[in-house]
Amino acid sequence: MLLAFDTATPTVTVALHDGTDVVVEHTSELTMKHGEQLAPLVERCLVDAGVVRQDLTAIAVGTGPGPFTGLRVGLVTARTLAHVLEIPVYGVCTLDVLAVEAVDTGAVIGDFVVATDARRKEVYLASYDEEGRRMAGPVVDRPADLATQAQVVGEGALLYPDSFPTAVGPQRPSAGWLARTVLGERAELTDPEPLYLRRPDAVAPGPRKPAS
C-alpha cells in the first residue's frame, strides 16, 4: 500500500494506492496551514481504506518547487514515517506529476508547459514533450518573461492569462496522480529533498554588531 501526499501548493493532497489503483484520495478544504492539515488527512485516508500505518509499503511525496514552509511539512513527514515504518520513500517533482495527469487524461496534445504559482508575482515553469517527459526546467521567473502561446497546465495559466492564454488540464497536483506516477515510473524518482529555486524568506539573523 503506497501512501502519497503533496504539500507544494496552497492545498494539501493525500492518497492511497493498493498497487492496482488509487483506493482513496482527500484534499484539504482550507488553503495553507499544511502542518495542521496533513496528519489528519493521512489518518482519514487510512481509516477510509481500512488499513493501518503498518500496512504501508512505501511513501511518495511531492518535492516542489514550492514555498519553503509547505514543502518542509510534507518532506519531514515523509522522511519521519519512512524511518519509523522502515519503508522506502520516493520524491517526485510536483510539476512532473501535473504533466503526467495532463497527458493521461487527454488534456494536452503535443508539447506543453506546466506553470504553478510561485508567489511574488512569479511562476515555477517547466516544459514537457507529448508523453509528459520533462525537457527543460523548472525555473522561477516573472510570467511576462516566460510568456508562451503553448498549452499551459497548472494554476499559473489562470493567474496570468495575458502571459499564458492557453490554459488546459489540472490546476493543482493530485496525490492520486503522484502515486500513479511513482508506481508507473513515469517521472524521475529522487530522494525526499526540497526542490527550491530561490532562497527561503526566513533566514537566520547575522552576527550581532559589537556595542560601541
N, C-alpha and C. Protein backbone atom coordinates (compact mmCIF):
# COMPACT_ATOMS: atom_id res chain seq x y z
N MET A 1 0.85 -1.18 0.00
CA MET A 1 0.00 0.00 0.00
C MET A 1 0.89 1.24 0.00
N LEU A 2 0.77 2.06 -1.03
CA LEU A 2 1.59 3.27 -1.17
C LEU A 2 0.81 4.48 -0.66
N LEU A 3 1.42 5.22 0.25
CA LEU A 3 0.86 6.48 0.73
C LEU A 3 1.54 7.62 -0.02
N ALA A 4 0.74 8.51 -0.61
CA ALA A 4 1.29 9.62 -1.38
C ALA A 4 0.69 10.93 -0.89
N PHE A 5 1.52 11.97 -0.82
CA PHE A 5 0.99 13.28 -0.48
C PHE A 5 1.89 14.39 -1.03
N ASP A 6 1.27 15.56 -1.24
CA ASP A 6 1.99 16.71 -1.78
C ASP A 6 1.55 17.96 -1.02
N THR A 7 2.53 18.76 -0.60
CA THR A 7 2.25 20.00 0.12
C THR A 7 2.94 21.19 -0.54
N ALA A 8 3.18 21.11 -1.84
CA ALA A 8 3.92 22.15 -2.55
C ALA A 8 3.06 23.32 -2.98
N THR A 9 1.73 23.18 -2.89
CA THR A 9 0.82 24.25 -3.28
C THR A 9 -0.03 24.64 -2.07
N PRO A 10 -0.92 25.61 -2.19
CA PRO A 10 -1.73 26.01 -1.04
C PRO A 10 -2.63 24.92 -0.48
N THR A 11 -2.92 23.88 -1.26
CA THR A 11 -3.75 22.78 -0.77
C THR A 11 -2.91 21.54 -0.48
N VAL A 12 -3.34 20.77 0.50
CA VAL A 12 -2.69 19.51 0.85
C VAL A 12 -3.49 18.38 0.21
N THR A 13 -2.83 17.46 -0.46
CA THR A 13 -3.50 16.34 -1.10
C THR A 13 -2.85 15.03 -0.66
N VAL A 14 -3.67 14.03 -0.30
CA VAL A 14 -3.20 12.75 0.22
C VAL A 14 -3.97 11.62 -0.45
N ALA A 15 -3.30 10.51 -0.76
CA ALA A 15 -3.96 9.38 -1.40
C ALA A 15 -3.28 8.07 -1.01
N LEU A 16 -4.03 6.97 -1.19
CA LEU A 16 -3.51 5.62 -1.00
C LEU A 16 -3.70 4.84 -2.29
N HIS A 17 -2.68 4.09 -2.68
CA HIS A 17 -2.71 3.26 -3.89
C HIS A 17 -2.39 1.83 -3.48
N ASP A 18 -3.25 0.88 -3.89
CA ASP A 18 -3.07 -0.50 -3.44
C ASP A 18 -2.24 -1.35 -4.40
N GLY A 19 -1.61 -0.72 -5.38
CA GLY A 19 -0.82 -1.46 -6.36
C GLY A 19 -1.57 -1.68 -7.65
N THR A 20 -2.88 -1.52 -7.59
CA THR A 20 -3.72 -1.63 -8.79
C THR A 20 -4.25 -0.27 -9.20
N ASP A 21 -4.76 0.47 -8.23
CA ASP A 21 -5.24 1.82 -8.50
C ASP A 21 -5.39 2.57 -7.18
N VAL A 22 -5.72 3.84 -7.29
CA VAL A 22 -5.95 4.67 -6.11
C VAL A 22 -7.24 4.22 -5.43
N VAL A 23 -7.17 3.95 -4.15
CA VAL A 23 -8.34 3.48 -3.41
C VAL A 23 -9.02 4.59 -2.63
N VAL A 24 -8.30 5.64 -2.29
CA VAL A 24 -8.88 6.77 -1.59
C VAL A 24 -7.99 7.99 -1.78
N GLU A 25 -8.61 9.16 -1.88
CA GLU A 25 -7.86 10.40 -2.02
C GLU A 25 -8.64 11.53 -1.36
N HIS A 26 -7.95 12.37 -0.62
CA HIS A 26 -8.57 13.52 0.01
C HIS A 26 -7.69 14.75 -0.18
N THR A 27 -8.35 15.89 -0.33
CA THR A 27 -7.65 17.16 -0.49
C THR A 27 -8.19 18.14 0.55
N SER A 28 -7.31 18.93 1.11
CA SER A 28 -7.73 19.86 2.16
C SER A 28 -8.74 20.86 1.63
N GLU A 29 -9.72 21.17 2.47
CA GLU A 29 -10.73 22.16 2.10
C GLU A 29 -10.22 23.57 2.33
N LEU A 30 -9.31 23.73 3.27
CA LEU A 30 -8.72 25.03 3.55
C LEU A 30 -7.35 25.13 2.88
N THR A 31 -6.98 26.32 2.49
CA THR A 31 -5.65 26.51 1.92
C THR A 31 -4.67 26.88 3.03
N MET A 32 -3.40 26.60 2.75
CA MET A 32 -2.32 26.87 3.70
C MET A 32 -2.47 26.01 4.95
N LYS A 33 -1.80 26.38 6.03
CA LYS A 33 -1.83 25.63 7.29
C LYS A 33 -1.54 24.15 7.06
N HIS A 34 -0.51 23.87 6.28
CA HIS A 34 -0.17 22.49 5.94
C HIS A 34 0.12 21.65 7.17
N GLY A 35 0.80 22.23 8.15
CA GLY A 35 1.16 21.48 9.35
C GLY A 35 -0.04 21.01 10.14
N GLU A 36 -1.14 21.74 10.06
CA GLU A 36 -2.35 21.36 10.79
C GLU A 36 -3.21 20.37 10.02
N GLN A 37 -3.02 20.28 8.72
CA GLN A 37 -3.93 19.50 7.89
C GLN A 37 -3.38 18.17 7.40
N LEU A 38 -2.06 18.06 7.26
CA LEU A 38 -1.51 16.85 6.65
C LEU A 38 -1.79 15.60 7.46
N ALA A 39 -1.45 15.60 8.75
CA ALA A 39 -1.63 14.40 9.57
C ALA A 39 -3.10 13.95 9.62
N PRO A 40 -4.07 14.86 9.84
CA PRO A 40 -5.46 14.41 9.84
C PRO A 40 -5.91 13.83 8.50
N LEU A 41 -5.42 14.38 7.40
CA LEU A 41 -5.79 13.84 6.09
C LEU A 41 -5.19 12.45 5.87
N VAL A 42 -3.95 12.25 6.33
CA VAL A 42 -3.34 10.92 6.24
C VAL A 42 -4.17 9.91 7.03
N GLU A 43 -4.54 10.29 8.25
CA GLU A 43 -5.33 9.40 9.10
C GLU A 43 -6.69 9.12 8.47
N ARG A 44 -7.28 10.12 7.88
CA ARG A 44 -8.59 9.95 7.23
C ARG A 44 -8.50 8.96 6.08
N CYS A 45 -7.45 9.05 5.30
CA CYS A 45 -7.27 8.11 4.19
C CYS A 45 -7.09 6.68 4.70
N LEU A 46 -6.29 6.52 5.75
CA LEU A 46 -6.07 5.19 6.31
C LEU A 46 -7.38 4.59 6.82
N VAL A 47 -8.17 5.40 7.52
CA VAL A 47 -9.44 4.91 8.05
C VAL A 47 -10.40 4.55 6.92
N ASP A 48 -10.50 5.40 5.93
CA ASP A 48 -11.41 5.14 4.81
C ASP A 48 -11.02 3.88 4.04
N ALA A 49 -9.71 3.62 3.97
CA ALA A 49 -9.24 2.43 3.25
C ALA A 49 -9.24 1.18 4.12
N GLY A 50 -9.46 1.36 5.42
CA GLY A 50 -9.48 0.22 6.33
C GLY A 50 -8.11 -0.39 6.57
N VAL A 51 -7.08 0.47 6.60
CA VAL A 51 -5.73 -0.02 6.83
C VAL A 51 -5.09 0.77 7.97
N VAL A 52 -3.96 0.29 8.44
CA VAL A 52 -3.19 0.99 9.46
C VAL A 52 -1.82 1.31 8.89
N ARG A 53 -1.06 2.12 9.61
CA ARG A 53 0.24 2.55 9.10
C ARG A 53 1.17 1.38 8.81
N GLN A 54 1.04 0.32 9.60
CA GLN A 54 1.90 -0.84 9.40
C GLN A 54 1.63 -1.56 8.08
N ASP A 55 0.50 -1.25 7.43
CA ASP A 55 0.19 -1.84 6.14
C ASP A 55 0.87 -1.11 4.99
N LEU A 56 1.43 0.04 5.25
CA LEU A 56 2.08 0.81 4.20
C LEU A 56 3.39 0.15 3.78
N THR A 57 3.65 0.15 2.49
CA THR A 57 4.88 -0.45 1.96
C THR A 57 5.84 0.57 1.37
N ALA A 58 5.33 1.79 1.10
CA ALA A 58 6.19 2.85 0.55
C ALA A 58 5.45 4.18 0.67
N ILE A 59 6.23 5.25 0.55
CA ILE A 59 5.68 6.61 0.61
C ILE A 59 6.18 7.39 -0.59
N ALA A 60 5.29 8.19 -1.18
CA ALA A 60 5.65 9.11 -2.27
C ALA A 60 5.32 10.52 -1.83
N VAL A 61 6.21 11.46 -2.13
CA VAL A 61 5.99 12.84 -1.70
C VAL A 61 6.42 13.81 -2.80
N GLY A 62 5.63 14.86 -2.98
CA GLY A 62 6.00 15.90 -3.93
C GLY A 62 7.13 16.75 -3.39
N THR A 63 8.13 17.00 -4.21
CA THR A 63 9.30 17.76 -3.77
C THR A 63 9.28 19.21 -4.22
N GLY A 64 8.18 19.64 -4.83
CA GLY A 64 8.07 21.02 -5.29
C GLY A 64 8.50 21.14 -6.75
N PRO A 65 8.86 22.34 -7.16
CA PRO A 65 9.14 23.53 -6.35
C PRO A 65 7.89 24.10 -5.69
N GLY A 66 8.12 24.78 -4.57
CA GLY A 66 7.04 25.37 -3.82
C GLY A 66 7.58 26.19 -2.67
N PRO A 67 6.69 26.87 -1.93
CA PRO A 67 7.12 27.67 -0.79
C PRO A 67 7.83 26.81 0.27
N PHE A 68 8.79 27.41 0.93
CA PHE A 68 9.64 26.68 1.88
C PHE A 68 8.84 25.98 2.98
N THR A 69 7.91 26.70 3.60
CA THR A 69 7.20 26.15 4.75
C THR A 69 6.35 24.95 4.38
N GLY A 70 5.57 25.07 3.32
CA GLY A 70 4.71 23.97 2.91
C GLY A 70 5.50 22.74 2.52
N LEU A 71 6.55 22.92 1.74
CA LEU A 71 7.38 21.78 1.33
C LEU A 71 7.99 21.08 2.54
N ARG A 72 8.47 21.86 3.48
CA ARG A 72 9.13 21.29 4.66
C ARG A 72 8.18 20.36 5.42
N VAL A 73 6.93 20.77 5.56
CA VAL A 73 5.94 19.95 6.27
C VAL A 73 5.81 18.59 5.62
N GLY A 74 5.63 18.56 4.32
CA GLY A 74 5.44 17.29 3.62
C GLY A 74 6.68 16.42 3.64
N LEU A 75 7.83 17.01 3.39
CA LEU A 75 9.05 16.21 3.29
C LEU A 75 9.50 15.67 4.64
N VAL A 76 9.38 16.47 5.68
CA VAL A 76 9.74 15.99 7.01
C VAL A 76 8.80 14.85 7.43
N THR A 77 7.52 15.01 7.14
CA THR A 77 6.56 13.95 7.46
C THR A 77 6.88 12.67 6.71
N ALA A 78 7.21 12.79 5.44
CA ALA A 78 7.52 11.61 4.63
C ALA A 78 8.75 10.89 5.15
N ARG A 79 9.80 11.65 5.45
CA ARG A 79 11.02 11.02 5.95
C ARG A 79 10.81 10.38 7.32
N THR A 80 10.03 11.04 8.16
CA THR A 80 9.79 10.50 9.50
C THR A 80 9.00 9.20 9.44
N LEU A 81 7.91 9.19 8.67
CA LEU A 81 7.10 7.97 8.54
C LEU A 81 7.92 6.83 7.94
N ALA A 82 8.70 7.14 6.92
CA ALA A 82 9.50 6.10 6.28
C ALA A 82 10.51 5.52 7.25
N HIS A 83 11.10 6.37 8.08
CA HIS A 83 12.08 5.91 9.06
C HIS A 83 11.43 5.03 10.12
N VAL A 84 10.30 5.48 10.64
CA VAL A 84 9.62 4.73 11.70
C VAL A 84 9.12 3.38 11.18
N LEU A 85 8.56 3.38 9.98
CA LEU A 85 7.97 2.16 9.43
C LEU A 85 8.99 1.31 8.67
N GLU A 86 10.19 1.86 8.48
CA GLU A 86 11.27 1.16 7.76
C GLU A 86 10.82 0.77 6.35
N ILE A 87 10.30 1.77 5.62
CA ILE A 87 9.86 1.57 4.24
C ILE A 87 10.51 2.65 3.37
N PRO A 88 10.59 2.43 2.06
CA PRO A 88 11.22 3.42 1.18
C PRO A 88 10.33 4.64 0.98
N VAL A 89 10.98 5.78 0.65
CA VAL A 89 10.25 7.00 0.33
C VAL A 89 10.80 7.56 -0.97
N TYR A 90 9.89 7.97 -1.85
CA TYR A 90 10.27 8.45 -3.17
C TYR A 90 9.80 9.90 -3.35
N GLY A 91 10.69 10.75 -3.80
CA GLY A 91 10.34 12.13 -4.10
C GLY A 91 10.12 12.30 -5.59
N VAL A 92 9.17 13.16 -5.95
CA VAL A 92 8.88 13.46 -7.36
C VAL A 92 8.61 14.95 -7.50
N CYS A 93 9.15 15.56 -8.53
CA CYS A 93 8.88 16.96 -8.83
C CYS A 93 7.37 17.15 -9.03
N THR A 94 6.80 18.10 -8.32
CA THR A 94 5.36 18.35 -8.39
C THR A 94 4.91 18.70 -9.80
N LEU A 95 5.71 19.43 -10.54
CA LEU A 95 5.35 19.79 -11.91
C LEU A 95 5.28 18.55 -12.80
N ASP A 96 6.14 17.56 -12.55
CA ASP A 96 6.11 16.32 -13.32
C ASP A 96 4.80 15.58 -13.13
N VAL A 97 4.28 15.60 -11.91
CA VAL A 97 3.02 14.92 -11.62
C VAL A 97 1.87 15.58 -12.38
N LEU A 98 1.85 16.90 -12.40
CA LEU A 98 0.83 17.60 -13.16
C LEU A 98 0.93 17.27 -14.65
N ALA A 99 2.16 17.12 -15.14
CA ALA A 99 2.35 16.78 -16.55
C ALA A 99 1.81 15.39 -16.87
N VAL A 100 2.08 14.43 -16.01
CA VAL A 100 1.59 13.06 -16.23
C VAL A 100 0.07 13.04 -16.25
N GLU A 101 -0.54 13.73 -15.30
CA GLU A 101 -2.01 13.75 -15.26
C GLU A 101 -2.57 14.39 -16.52
N ALA A 102 -1.96 15.48 -16.98
CA ALA A 102 -2.45 16.16 -18.17
C ALA A 102 -2.39 15.26 -19.40
N VAL A 103 -1.30 14.51 -19.53
CA VAL A 103 -1.15 13.61 -20.67
C VAL A 103 -2.14 12.45 -20.59
N ASP A 104 -2.20 11.81 -19.44
CA ASP A 104 -3.02 10.61 -19.32
C ASP A 104 -4.52 10.89 -19.36
N THR A 105 -4.93 12.10 -19.03
CA THR A 105 -6.35 12.45 -19.09
C THR A 105 -6.72 13.10 -20.43
N GLY A 106 -5.75 13.23 -21.32
CA GLY A 106 -6.03 13.80 -22.64
C GLY A 106 -6.22 15.31 -22.64
N ALA A 107 -5.73 15.98 -21.60
CA ALA A 107 -5.90 17.43 -21.51
C ALA A 107 -4.98 18.19 -22.46
N VAL A 108 -3.89 17.54 -22.89
CA VAL A 108 -2.92 18.20 -23.77
C VAL A 108 -2.69 17.36 -25.02
N ILE A 109 -2.28 18.04 -26.07
CA ILE A 109 -1.90 17.39 -27.32
C ILE A 109 -0.57 17.98 -27.76
N GLY A 110 0.45 17.15 -27.87
CA GLY A 110 1.76 17.65 -28.25
C GLY A 110 2.51 18.22 -27.06
N ASP A 111 3.54 19.00 -27.36
CA ASP A 111 4.37 19.58 -26.30
C ASP A 111 3.57 20.63 -25.52
N PHE A 112 3.97 20.84 -24.27
CA PHE A 112 3.26 21.79 -23.41
C PHE A 112 4.17 22.22 -22.27
N VAL A 113 3.68 23.14 -21.45
CA VAL A 113 4.42 23.56 -20.26
C VAL A 113 3.52 23.45 -19.05
N VAL A 114 4.14 23.38 -17.88
CA VAL A 114 3.42 23.40 -16.60
C VAL A 114 3.89 24.64 -15.85
N ALA A 115 2.94 25.42 -15.35
CA ALA A 115 3.28 26.64 -14.61
C ALA A 115 2.45 26.69 -13.33
N THR A 116 3.11 26.81 -12.19
CA THR A 116 2.42 26.90 -10.91
C THR A 116 2.77 28.21 -10.22
N ASP A 117 1.98 28.58 -9.25
CA ASP A 117 2.15 29.85 -8.55
C ASP A 117 3.38 29.82 -7.65
N ALA A 118 4.29 30.76 -7.87
CA ALA A 118 5.49 30.88 -7.03
C ALA A 118 5.40 32.06 -6.09
N ARG A 119 4.22 32.73 -6.08
CA ARG A 119 4.03 33.96 -5.30
C ARG A 119 4.98 35.04 -5.81
N ARG A 120 4.97 36.19 -5.14
CA ARG A 120 5.81 37.34 -5.53
C ARG A 120 5.60 37.70 -7.00
N LYS A 121 4.41 37.39 -7.54
CA LYS A 121 4.07 37.64 -8.94
C LYS A 121 5.02 36.91 -9.89
N GLU A 122 5.40 35.68 -9.48
CA GLU A 122 6.24 34.81 -10.31
C GLU A 122 5.60 33.44 -10.44
N VAL A 123 6.13 32.63 -11.36
CA VAL A 123 5.66 31.26 -11.53
C VAL A 123 6.85 30.30 -11.60
N TYR A 124 6.59 29.06 -11.22
CA TYR A 124 7.52 27.97 -11.49
C TYR A 124 7.09 27.37 -12.82
N LEU A 125 8.04 27.11 -13.71
CA LEU A 125 7.67 26.61 -15.04
C LEU A 125 8.66 25.57 -15.54
N ALA A 126 8.11 24.54 -16.20
CA ALA A 126 8.93 23.51 -16.86
C ALA A 126 8.22 23.11 -18.15
N SER A 127 8.99 22.66 -19.12
CA SER A 127 8.41 22.26 -20.41
C SER A 127 8.48 20.74 -20.58
N TYR A 128 7.50 20.20 -21.31
CA TYR A 128 7.34 18.75 -21.45
C TYR A 128 7.02 18.36 -22.89
N ASP A 129 7.38 17.12 -23.24
CA ASP A 129 7.02 16.62 -24.56
C ASP A 129 5.63 15.99 -24.50
N GLU A 130 5.20 15.44 -25.60
CA GLU A 130 3.82 14.93 -25.70
C GLU A 130 3.55 13.73 -24.80
N GLU A 131 4.61 13.09 -24.30
CA GLU A 131 4.43 11.95 -23.39
C GLU A 131 4.60 12.35 -21.93
N GLY A 132 4.78 13.64 -21.67
CA GLY A 132 4.90 14.10 -20.29
C GLY A 132 6.30 14.03 -19.73
N ARG A 133 7.30 13.90 -20.59
CA ARG A 133 8.69 13.86 -20.13
C ARG A 133 9.25 15.27 -20.09
N ARG A 134 9.86 15.63 -18.98
CA ARG A 134 10.37 16.99 -18.82
C ARG A 134 11.54 17.24 -19.76
N MET A 135 11.47 18.33 -20.50
CA MET A 135 12.54 18.69 -21.44
C MET A 135 13.41 19.82 -20.93
N ALA A 136 12.85 20.70 -20.10
CA ALA A 136 13.61 21.82 -19.56
C ALA A 136 12.94 22.33 -18.29
N GLY A 137 13.76 22.95 -17.42
CA GLY A 137 13.23 23.49 -16.18
C GLY A 137 13.31 22.46 -15.06
N PRO A 138 12.73 22.80 -13.92
CA PRO A 138 11.92 24.00 -13.69
C PRO A 138 12.75 25.25 -13.41
N VAL A 139 12.13 26.40 -13.69
CA VAL A 139 12.72 27.69 -13.40
C VAL A 139 11.68 28.53 -12.68
N VAL A 140 12.12 29.62 -12.10
CA VAL A 140 11.19 30.57 -11.48
C VAL A 140 11.48 31.95 -12.06
N ASP A 141 10.40 32.63 -12.49
CA ASP A 141 10.59 33.94 -13.10
C ASP A 141 9.23 34.64 -13.21
N ARG A 142 9.25 35.86 -13.68
CA ARG A 142 8.02 36.60 -13.89
C ARG A 142 7.27 36.02 -15.09
N PRO A 143 5.94 35.97 -15.04
CA PRO A 143 5.19 35.41 -16.16
C PRO A 143 5.51 36.09 -17.49
N ALA A 144 5.69 37.40 -17.48
CA ALA A 144 5.96 38.10 -18.72
C ALA A 144 7.25 37.63 -19.37
N ASP A 145 8.21 37.20 -18.56
CA ASP A 145 9.49 36.72 -19.10
C ASP A 145 9.43 35.26 -19.55
N LEU A 146 8.35 34.57 -19.18
CA LEU A 146 8.19 33.17 -19.57
C LEU A 146 6.98 32.98 -20.47
N ALA A 147 6.40 34.05 -20.94
CA ALA A 147 5.16 34.01 -21.72
C ALA A 147 5.27 33.06 -22.90
N THR A 148 4.17 32.35 -23.17
CA THR A 148 4.14 31.39 -24.26
C THR A 148 2.72 31.21 -24.78
N GLN A 149 2.62 30.85 -26.03
CA GLN A 149 1.32 30.52 -26.64
C GLN A 149 1.03 29.03 -26.54
N ALA A 150 1.97 28.27 -25.99
CA ALA A 150 1.79 26.83 -25.86
C ALA A 150 0.70 26.51 -24.83
N GLN A 151 0.25 25.27 -24.83
CA GLN A 151 -0.69 24.82 -23.81
C GLN A 151 -0.01 24.90 -22.45
N VAL A 152 -0.73 25.42 -21.46
CA VAL A 152 -0.14 25.59 -20.13
C VAL A 152 -1.02 24.90 -19.09
N VAL A 153 -0.45 23.90 -18.44
CA VAL A 153 -1.10 23.18 -17.35
C VAL A 153 -0.73 23.86 -16.05
N GLY A 154 -1.64 23.89 -15.08
CA GLY A 154 -1.30 24.44 -13.78
C GLY A 154 -1.95 25.78 -13.51
N GLU A 155 -1.92 26.16 -12.25
CA GLU A 155 -2.59 27.37 -11.78
C GLU A 155 -2.00 28.64 -12.37
N GLY A 156 -0.75 28.60 -12.78
CA GLY A 156 -0.10 29.79 -13.32
C GLY A 156 -0.82 30.36 -14.51
N ALA A 157 -1.40 29.49 -15.34
CA ALA A 157 -2.10 29.96 -16.53
C ALA A 157 -3.36 30.73 -16.17
N LEU A 158 -4.02 30.34 -15.11
CA LEU A 158 -5.24 31.04 -14.69
C LEU A 158 -4.92 32.35 -13.99
N LEU A 159 -3.79 32.38 -13.29
CA LEU A 159 -3.41 33.60 -12.58
C LEU A 159 -2.87 34.67 -13.52
N TYR A 160 -2.25 34.25 -14.62
CA TYR A 160 -1.61 35.20 -15.54
C TYR A 160 -2.02 34.90 -16.98
N PRO A 161 -3.28 35.09 -17.31
CA PRO A 161 -3.77 34.75 -18.65
C PRO A 161 -3.15 35.57 -19.77
N ASP A 162 -2.67 36.78 -19.46
CA ASP A 162 -2.04 37.57 -20.51
C ASP A 162 -0.75 36.93 -20.99
N SER A 163 -0.04 36.27 -20.08
CA SER A 163 1.22 35.61 -20.44
C SER A 163 1.01 34.18 -20.90
N PHE A 164 -0.06 33.54 -20.39
CA PHE A 164 -0.34 32.13 -20.71
C PHE A 164 -1.80 32.00 -21.14
N PRO A 165 -2.11 32.38 -22.38
CA PRO A 165 -3.51 32.41 -22.82
C PRO A 165 -4.15 31.05 -23.06
N THR A 166 -3.33 29.99 -23.17
CA THR A 166 -3.89 28.67 -23.49
C THR A 166 -3.85 27.77 -22.26
N ALA A 167 -4.78 27.97 -21.36
CA ALA A 167 -4.85 27.20 -20.12
C ALA A 167 -5.57 25.88 -20.35
N VAL A 168 -4.96 24.78 -19.91
CA VAL A 168 -5.56 23.45 -20.06
C VAL A 168 -5.23 22.62 -18.81
N GLY A 169 -5.92 21.49 -18.67
CA GLY A 169 -5.54 20.49 -17.69
C GLY A 169 -5.73 20.87 -16.24
N PRO A 170 -5.17 20.06 -15.35
CA PRO A 170 -5.33 20.28 -13.91
C PRO A 170 -4.62 21.55 -13.45
N GLN A 171 -5.14 22.12 -12.35
CA GLN A 171 -4.55 23.34 -11.82
C GLN A 171 -3.55 23.06 -10.70
N ARG A 172 -3.89 22.15 -9.79
CA ARG A 172 -3.02 21.81 -8.68
C ARG A 172 -2.80 20.30 -8.64
N PRO A 173 -1.70 19.85 -8.02
CA PRO A 173 -1.36 18.43 -8.05
C PRO A 173 -2.35 17.56 -7.29
N SER A 174 -2.44 16.33 -7.74
CA SER A 174 -3.28 15.31 -7.10
C SER A 174 -2.38 14.22 -6.53
N ALA A 175 -2.62 13.86 -5.27
CA ALA A 175 -1.82 12.79 -4.66
C ALA A 175 -2.07 11.46 -5.35
N GLY A 176 -3.28 11.28 -5.87
CA GLY A 176 -3.57 10.06 -6.61
C GLY A 176 -2.68 9.94 -7.83
N TRP A 177 -2.51 11.05 -8.53
CA TRP A 177 -1.63 11.01 -9.71
C TRP A 177 -0.16 10.94 -9.32
N LEU A 178 0.18 11.47 -8.16
CA LEU A 178 1.54 11.28 -7.65
C LEU A 178 1.81 9.80 -7.44
N ALA A 179 0.85 9.09 -6.85
CA ALA A 179 1.02 7.65 -6.63
C ALA A 179 1.15 6.91 -7.95
N ARG A 180 0.30 7.25 -8.92
CA ARG A 180 0.36 6.58 -10.24
C ARG A 180 1.69 6.87 -10.94
N THR A 181 2.17 8.10 -10.78
CA THR A 181 3.45 8.47 -11.39
C THR A 181 4.60 7.65 -10.83
N VAL A 182 4.61 7.45 -9.52
CA VAL A 182 5.68 6.69 -8.88
C VAL A 182 5.61 5.22 -9.26
N LEU A 183 4.44 4.63 -9.13
CA LEU A 183 4.31 3.20 -9.40
C LEU A 183 4.50 2.87 -10.88
N GLY A 184 4.18 3.81 -11.74
CA GLY A 184 4.39 3.60 -13.18
C GLY A 184 5.75 4.08 -13.64
N GLU A 185 6.56 4.61 -12.71
CA GLU A 185 7.88 5.16 -13.02
C GLU A 185 7.80 6.12 -14.20
N ARG A 186 6.86 7.03 -14.11
CA ARG A 186 6.60 7.97 -15.20
C ARG A 186 7.44 9.25 -15.10
N ALA A 187 8.14 9.41 -14.00
CA ALA A 187 9.00 10.58 -13.81
C ALA A 187 10.22 10.17 -13.00
N GLU A 188 11.18 11.05 -12.94
CA GLU A 188 12.39 10.77 -12.17
C GLU A 188 12.05 10.67 -10.68
N LEU A 189 12.49 9.59 -10.05
CA LEU A 189 12.29 9.40 -8.62
C LEU A 189 13.56 9.86 -7.91
N THR A 190 13.38 10.70 -6.91
CA THR A 190 14.52 11.30 -6.23
C THR A 190 14.44 11.06 -4.72
N ASP A 191 15.47 11.49 -4.03
CA ASP A 191 15.42 11.50 -2.57
C ASP A 191 14.39 12.55 -2.14
N PRO A 192 13.81 12.41 -0.95
CA PRO A 192 12.82 13.37 -0.49
C PRO A 192 13.45 14.67 -0.02
N GLU A 193 14.04 15.39 -0.95
CA GLU A 193 14.66 16.68 -0.65
C GLU A 193 13.92 17.79 -1.37
N PRO A 194 13.78 18.94 -0.77
CA PRO A 194 13.00 20.02 -1.38
C PRO A 194 13.66 20.59 -2.63
N LEU A 195 12.86 20.83 -3.63
CA LEU A 195 13.33 21.44 -4.87
C LEU A 195 13.10 22.95 -4.75
N TYR A 196 14.07 23.64 -4.19
CA TYR A 196 13.98 25.08 -4.02
C TYR A 196 14.65 25.78 -5.20
N LEU A 197 13.98 26.79 -5.72
CA LEU A 197 14.56 27.54 -6.82
C LEU A 197 14.98 28.94 -6.41
N ARG A 198 14.74 29.27 -5.13
CA ARG A 198 15.22 30.53 -4.59
C ARG A 198 15.36 30.40 -3.10
N ARG A 199 16.02 31.35 -2.48
CA ARG A 199 16.28 31.29 -1.05
C ARG A 199 14.97 31.45 -0.27
N PRO A 200 14.82 30.74 0.85
CA PRO A 200 13.62 30.92 1.67
C PRO A 200 13.55 32.33 2.25
N ASP A 201 12.31 32.78 2.53
CA ASP A 201 12.13 34.12 3.10
C ASP A 201 12.76 34.23 4.48
N ALA A 202 12.61 33.17 5.27
CA ALA A 202 13.13 33.20 6.64
C ALA A 202 14.60 32.81 6.64
N VAL A 203 15.44 33.67 7.12
CA VAL A 203 16.88 33.38 7.19
C VAL A 203 17.36 33.65 8.60
N ALA A 204 18.43 32.97 8.95
CA ALA A 204 18.99 33.16 10.29
C ALA A 204 19.59 34.56 10.41
N PRO A 205 19.42 35.19 11.55
CA PRO A 205 19.98 36.55 11.71
C PRO A 205 21.50 36.50 11.69
N GLY A 206 22.11 37.57 11.23
CA GLY A 206 23.56 37.64 11.19
C GLY A 206 24.13 37.89 12.56
N PRO A 207 25.45 37.87 12.67
CA PRO A 207 26.09 38.11 13.96
C PRO A 207 25.78 39.51 14.46
N ARG A 208 25.67 39.62 15.77
CA ARG A 208 25.39 40.92 16.36
C ARG A 208 26.59 41.85 16.18
N LYS A 209 26.25 43.12 15.97
CA LYS A 209 27.32 44.10 15.88
C LYS A 209 27.84 44.41 17.29
N PRO A 210 29.12 44.57 17.41
CA PRO A 210 29.67 44.89 18.76
C PRO A 210 29.17 46.24 19.23
N ALA A 211 28.91 46.32 20.52
CA ALA A 211 28.44 47.58 21.10
C ALA A 211 29.57 48.61 21.02
N SER A 212 29.19 49.80 20.62
CA SER A 212 30.23 50.84 20.51
C SER A 212 30.41 51.56 21.83
